[in-house]
């Protein structure tokens, strides 16, 4: 299936009035004509603040539920648009960002670092992200590469927190 160059041009009229598509498109953030993944990642941050305060178990259960629901949301939206992974589908970026933010950064620089690292891994798609992206079909494939990118960003943040921050603070 061909990926669209212009997101706005291929969305059917009223497409985002469907709650499934609205969620898959990150409440409309994925409908931005340029860099929808970046806009989706940014839109995930204020939503993250609504549950970032929860205990760790609750936090990860919320992220897990968003991942499981996202498999269906993203797969259904991609099927309705008749593309494999439309650039405007950004629910996967939401979940990836929430994973990257899993260390609960209390300072804005922590949030910014999580954002930058997640976008770096999501855009560059180093192994195994590129391998998974090419081989996993449907909604699971749409979601999983961003989950791995979020996990890689989280691992980097953990390493920075463990090995670098004690010498800076």
Protein backbone atom coordinates (compact mmCIF):
# COMPACT_ATOMS: atom_id res chain seq x y z
CA UNK A 1 0.00 0.00 0.00
CA UNK A 2 1.24 3.47 -0.87
CA UNK A 3 1.97 5.88 1.97
CA UNK A 4 0.44 9.33 1.43
CA UNK A 5 2.54 12.43 0.85
CA UNK A 6 -0.16 14.83 1.95
CA UNK A 7 -2.07 13.63 5.00
CA UNK A 8 -4.86 16.17 4.64
CA UNK A 9 -5.53 15.27 1.01
CA UNK A 10 -6.43 11.64 1.62
CA UNK A 11 -8.55 11.85 4.76
CA UNK A 12 -12.19 11.35 3.88
CA UNK A 13 -14.53 14.16 4.94
CA UNK A 14 -15.54 13.79 8.58
CA UNK A 15 -12.88 11.12 9.13
CA UNK A 16 -11.82 12.47 12.53
CA UNK A 17 -15.41 12.59 13.78
CA UNK A 18 -15.11 8.83 14.28
CA UNK A 19 -13.81 8.35 17.87
CA UNK A 20 -11.56 5.45 16.80
CA UNK A 21 -9.87 7.56 14.13
CA UNK A 22 -9.72 10.60 16.40
CA UNK A 23 -7.80 8.58 19.01
CA UNK A 24 -5.55 6.91 16.43
CA UNK A 25 -4.75 10.37 15.05
CA UNK A 26 -3.85 11.58 18.57
CA UNK A 27 -6.88 13.86 19.00
CA UNK A 28 -6.04 15.42 15.63
CA UNK A 29 -2.32 16.01 16.26
CA UNK A 30 -1.48 13.46 13.59
CA UNK A 31 -3.41 15.45 11.00
CA UNK A 32 -0.70 18.11 10.91
CA UNK A 33 0.65 18.35 7.34
CA UNK A 34 4.33 18.29 8.39
CA UNK A 35 5.99 16.01 10.97
CA UNK A 36 2.82 14.37 12.36
CA UNK A 37 4.88 11.97 14.50
CA UNK A 38 6.61 14.86 16.21
CA UNK A 39 3.29 16.64 16.81
CA UNK A 40 1.81 13.41 18.14
CA UNK A 41 4.75 12.95 20.49
CA UNK A 42 4.30 16.51 21.76
CA UNK A 43 0.55 16.00 22.21
CA UNK A 44 1.26 12.92 24.33
CA UNK A 45 3.02 14.99 27.00
CA UNK A 46 0.04 16.92 28.45
CA UNK A 47 -1.96 13.69 28.53
CA UNK A 48 0.96 12.01 30.30
CA UNK A 49 0.75 14.67 33.02
CA UNK A 50 -2.78 13.47 33.84
CA UNK A 51 -1.51 10.06 35.01
CA UNK A 52 2.24 10.55 35.63
CA UNK A 53 1.55 10.96 39.34
CA UNK A 54 0.07 7.47 39.73
CA UNK A 55 2.03 4.72 41.54
CA UNK A 56 4.39 2.80 39.23
CA UNK A 57 2.18 -0.28 38.94
CA UNK A 58 -0.85 1.82 37.97
CA UNK A 59 1.28 3.85 35.55
CA UNK A 60 2.54 0.78 33.69
CA UNK A 61 -0.95 -0.77 33.64
CA UNK A 62 -2.26 2.42 31.99
CA UNK A 63 0.55 2.27 29.42
CA UNK A 64 -0.10 -1.45 28.82
CA UNK A 65 -3.84 -0.79 28.35
CA UNK A 66 -3.04 2.04 25.91
CA UNK A 67 -0.76 -0.34 23.98
CA UNK A 68 -3.37 -3.11 23.77
CA UNK A 69 -6.15 -0.70 22.77
CA UNK A 70 -3.72 0.95 20.34
CA UNK A 71 -3.19 -2.30 18.44
CA UNK A 72 -6.87 -2.28 17.55
CA UNK A 73 -7.18 1.51 17.09
CA UNK A 74 -4.21 1.77 14.75
CA UNK A 75 -5.05 -1.39 12.84
CA UNK A 76 -8.67 -0.34 12.30
CA UNK A 77 -7.70 3.15 11.19
CA UNK A 78 -5.01 1.85 8.82
CA UNK A 79 -7.53 -0.62 7.34
CA UNK A 80 -10.12 2.13 6.90
CA UNK A 81 -7.53 4.30 5.11
CA UNK A 82 -6.27 1.28 3.14
CA UNK A 83 -2.62 1.90 4.05
CA UNK A 84 -0.15 -0.08 6.15
CA UNK A 85 0.89 2.71 8.54
CA UNK A 86 -0.48 6.13 7.71
CA UNK A 87 1.83 8.90 8.94
CA UNK A 88 -1.07 10.55 10.75
CA UNK A 89 -1.65 7.54 13.01
CA UNK A 90 0.16 8.72 16.13
CA UNK A 91 -1.39 6.70 18.97
CA UNK A 92 1.79 4.63 18.72
CA UNK A 93 3.81 7.79 19.38
CA UNK A 94 1.64 8.48 22.43
CA UNK A 95 2.43 5.07 23.91
CA UNK A 96 6.10 5.27 22.93
CA UNK A 97 6.41 8.66 24.64
CA UNK A 98 4.69 7.37 27.77
CA UNK A 99 7.21 4.53 27.89
CA UNK A 100 10.10 6.98 27.41
CA UNK A 101 8.67 9.08 30.25
CA UNK A 102 8.44 6.03 32.52
CA UNK A 103 11.13 7.26 34.89
CA UNK A 104 8.70 10.01 35.88
CA UNK A 105 10.98 12.95 35.22
CA UNK A 106 10.13 15.69 37.66
CA UNK A 107 11.96 18.40 35.80
CA UNK A 108 11.22 19.84 32.39
CA UNK A 109 14.70 18.90 31.15
CA UNK A 110 13.84 15.24 31.85
CA UNK A 111 10.69 15.53 29.76
CA UNK A 112 12.63 17.26 26.99
CA UNK A 113 15.32 14.58 27.05
CA UNK A 114 12.67 11.85 26.88
CA UNK A 115 11.06 13.62 23.93
CA UNK A 116 14.35 14.10 22.06
CA UNK A 117 15.55 10.53 22.64
CA UNK A 118 12.22 9.02 21.67
CA UNK A 119 12.06 11.08 18.47
CA UNK A 120 15.67 10.16 17.67
CA UNK A 121 14.98 6.43 17.96
CA UNK A 122 11.60 6.70 16.22
CA UNK A 123 12.99 8.61 13.24
CA UNK A 124 16.32 6.79 12.82
CA UNK A 125 14.82 3.35 13.52
CA UNK A 126 18.05 1.56 14.49
CA UNK A 127 18.06 -2.21 14.75
CA UNK A 128 15.84 -3.88 16.01
CA UNK A 129 13.26 -1.14 15.36
CA UNK A 130 13.76 -1.17 11.58
CA UNK A 131 13.66 -4.97 11.49
CA UNK A 132 10.42 -5.09 13.51
CA UNK A 133 8.87 -2.27 11.47
CA UNK A 134 9.46 -4.19 8.23
CA UNK A 135 8.16 -7.54 9.49
CA UNK A 136 5.24 -7.00 11.87
CA UNK A 137 1.86 -6.55 10.19
CA UNK A 138 -1.27 -4.64 11.17
CA UNK A 139 -1.91 -2.73 14.35
CA UNK A 140 0.70 -4.70 16.28
CA UNK A 141 3.35 -3.68 13.75
CA UNK A 142 2.27 -0.04 13.89
CA UNK A 143 2.49 -0.04 17.68
CA UNK A 144 5.49 -2.25 18.35
CA UNK A 145 8.28 -0.26 16.69
CA UNK A 146 7.32 2.80 18.75
CA UNK A 147 7.16 0.70 21.91
CA UNK A 148 10.73 -0.44 21.25
CA UNK A 149 11.80 3.16 20.46
CA UNK A 150 10.23 4.25 23.76
CA UNK A 151 12.02 1.43 25.58
CA UNK A 152 15.34 2.42 24.05
CA UNK A 153 14.78 6.04 25.06
CA UNK A 154 13.85 4.91 28.58
CA UNK A 155 17.01 2.78 28.79
CA UNK A 156 19.13 5.77 27.74
CA UNK A 157 17.43 8.00 30.31
CA UNK A 158 17.97 5.39 32.99
CA UNK A 159 21.67 5.18 32.08
CA UNK A 160 21.99 8.97 32.10
CA UNK A 161 20.25 9.12 35.48
CA UNK A 162 22.45 6.37 36.90
CA UNK A 163 25.85 7.25 35.48
CA UNK A 164 25.88 10.93 34.50
CA UNK A 165 23.44 12.83 36.72
CA UNK A 166 25.20 11.98 40.02
CA UNK A 167 28.29 13.83 38.73
CA UNK A 168 26.32 16.87 37.57
CA UNK A 169 24.10 17.42 40.56
